[in-house]
Amino acid sequence: MKLTQQDMARLFDIDPRTLRNWRKDKPFLYATIMKGLSFDEIVEAQKESYEKVKELQEKYGNSK
């Protein structure tokens, strides 16, 4: 799920202008925040994939 800057600002309970200022004036902080959000997205996607595999395993059984 792609978050807008407005969405991200709500997540951190800050004004969207603050986020834009961080991007301009504190690029390391902004990059760290973006990496953290990306990591969360990756974890969620992997969790969904794992759940699909578990469903298939339950449906078709273990084929060892």
C-alpha atoms as a PDB file:
ATOM      1  CA  MET A   1       0.000   0.000   0.000  1.00  0.00           C
ATOM      2  CA  LYS A   2       1.458   3.314  -1.087  1.00  0.00           C
ATOM      3  CA  LEU A   3       1.140   6.006   1.562  1.00  0.00           C
ATOM      4  CA  THR A   4       0.787   9.669   0.690  1.00  0.00           C
ATOM      5  CA  GLN A   5       2.726  12.279   2.620  1.00  0.00           C
ATOM      6  CA  GLN A   6      -0.579  13.188   4.283  1.00  0.00           C
ATOM      7  CA  ASP A   7      -0.992   9.559   5.391  1.00  0.00           C
ATOM      8  CA  MET A   8       2.571   9.412   6.690  1.00  0.00           C
ATOM      9  CA  ALA A   9       2.126  12.665   8.588  1.00  0.00           C
ATOM     10  CA  ARG A  10      -0.992  11.239  10.256  1.00  0.00           C
ATOM     11  CA  LEU A  11       0.930   8.110  11.224  1.00  0.00           C
ATOM     12  CA  PHE A  12       3.520  10.205  13.027  1.00  0.00           C
ATOM     13  CA  ASP A  13       1.004  12.748  14.319  1.00  0.00           C
ATOM     14  CA  ILE A  14       2.804  15.617  12.636  1.00  0.00           C
ATOM     15  CA  ASP A  15       1.877  18.301  10.135  1.00  0.00           C
ATOM     16  CA  PRO A  16       2.606  17.310   6.508  1.00  0.00           C
ATOM     17  CA  ARG A  17       4.787  20.424   6.226  1.00  0.00           C
ATOM     18  CA  THR A  18       7.034  18.992   8.931  1.00  0.00           C
ATOM     19  CA  LEU A  19       7.546  15.867   6.845  1.00  0.00           C
ATOM     20  CA  ARG A  20       8.359  17.972   3.775  1.00  0.00           C
ATOM     21  CA  ASN A  21      10.804  20.046   5.852  1.00  0.00           C
ATOM     22  CA  TRP A  22      12.491  16.870   7.088  1.00  0.00           C
ATOM     23  CA  ARG A  23      12.841  15.707   3.503  1.00  0.00           C
ATOM     24  CA  LYS A  24      14.538  18.979   2.576  1.00  0.00           C
ATOM     25  CA  ASP A  25      16.469  19.849   5.741  1.00  0.00           C
ATOM     26  CA  LYS A  26      17.089  16.441   7.343  1.00  0.00           C
ATOM     27  CA  PRO A  27      17.489  13.959   4.488  1.00  0.00           C
ATOM     28  CA  PHE A  28      19.011  11.254   6.705  1.00  0.00           C
ATOM     29  CA  LEU A  29      16.007  11.355   9.059  1.00  0.00           C
ATOM     30  CA  TYR A  30      13.587  11.318   6.136  1.00  0.00           C
ATOM     31  CA  ALA A  31      15.423   8.401   4.488  1.00  0.00           C
ATOM     32  CA  THR A  32      15.370   6.464   7.768  1.00  0.00           C
ATOM     33  CA  ILE A  33      11.621   6.986   8.077  1.00  0.00           C
ATOM     34  CA  MET A  34      11.056   5.872   4.468  1.00  0.00           C
ATOM     35  CA  LYS A  35      13.181   2.747   4.994  1.00  0.00           C
ATOM     36  CA  GLY A  36      11.200   1.894   8.112  1.00  0.00           C
ATOM     37  CA  LEU A  37       7.905   2.256   6.283  1.00  0.00           C
ATOM     38  CA  SER A  38       9.226   0.169   3.384  1.00  0.00           C
ATOM     39  CA  PHE A  39      10.348  -2.517   5.803  1.00  0.00           C
ATOM     40  CA  ASP A  40       6.845  -2.612   7.312  1.00  0.00           C
ATOM     41  CA  GLU A  41       5.372  -3.071   3.818  1.00  0.00           C
ATOM     42  CA  ILE A  42       7.788  -5.933   3.059  1.00  0.00           C
ATOM     43  CA  VAL A  43       6.994  -7.673   6.342  1.00  0.00           C
ATOM     44  CA  GLU A  44       3.255  -7.383   5.685  1.00  0.00           C
ATOM     45  CA  ALA A  45       3.642  -8.774   2.150  1.00  0.00           C
ATOM     46  CA  GLN A  46       5.695 -11.701   3.426  1.00  0.00           C
ATOM     47  CA  LYS A  47       3.126 -12.382   6.129  1.00  0.00           C
ATOM     48  CA  GLU A  48       0.376 -12.522   3.500  1.00  0.00           C
ATOM     49  CA  SER A  49       2.460 -14.892   1.353  1.00  0.00           C
ATOM     50  CA  TYR A  50       3.103 -17.146   4.345  1.00  0.00           C
ATOM     51  CA  GLU A  51      -0.604 -17.246   5.161  1.00  0.00           C
ATOM     52  CA  LYS A  52      -1.406 -18.246   1.561  1.00  0.00           C
ATOM     53  CA  VAL A  53       1.163 -21.056   1.716  1.00  0.00           C
ATOM     54  CA  LYS A  54      -0.307 -22.274   5.012  1.00  0.00           C
ATOM     55  CA  GLU A  55      -3.802 -22.308   3.451  1.00  0.00           C
ATOM     56  CA  LEU A  56      -2.519 -24.360   0.521  1.00  0.00           C
ATOM     57  CA  GLN A  57      -0.713 -26.705   2.858  1.00  0.00           C
ATOM     58  CA  GLU A  58      -3.873 -27.222   4.896  1.00  0.00           C
ATOM     59  CA  LYS A  59      -5.972 -27.698   1.765  1.00  0.00           C
ATOM     60  CA  TYR A  60      -3.662 -30.109  -0.043  1.00  0.00           C
ATOM     61  CA  GLY A  61      -1.627 -31.512   2.833  1.00  0.00           C
ATOM     62  CA  ASN A  62       2.085 -31.978   3.218  1.00  0.00           C
ATOM     63  CA  SER A  63       3.662 -33.641   0.209  1.00  0.00           C
ATOM     64  CA  LYS A  64       7.027 -34.811   1.484  1.00  0.00           C
END
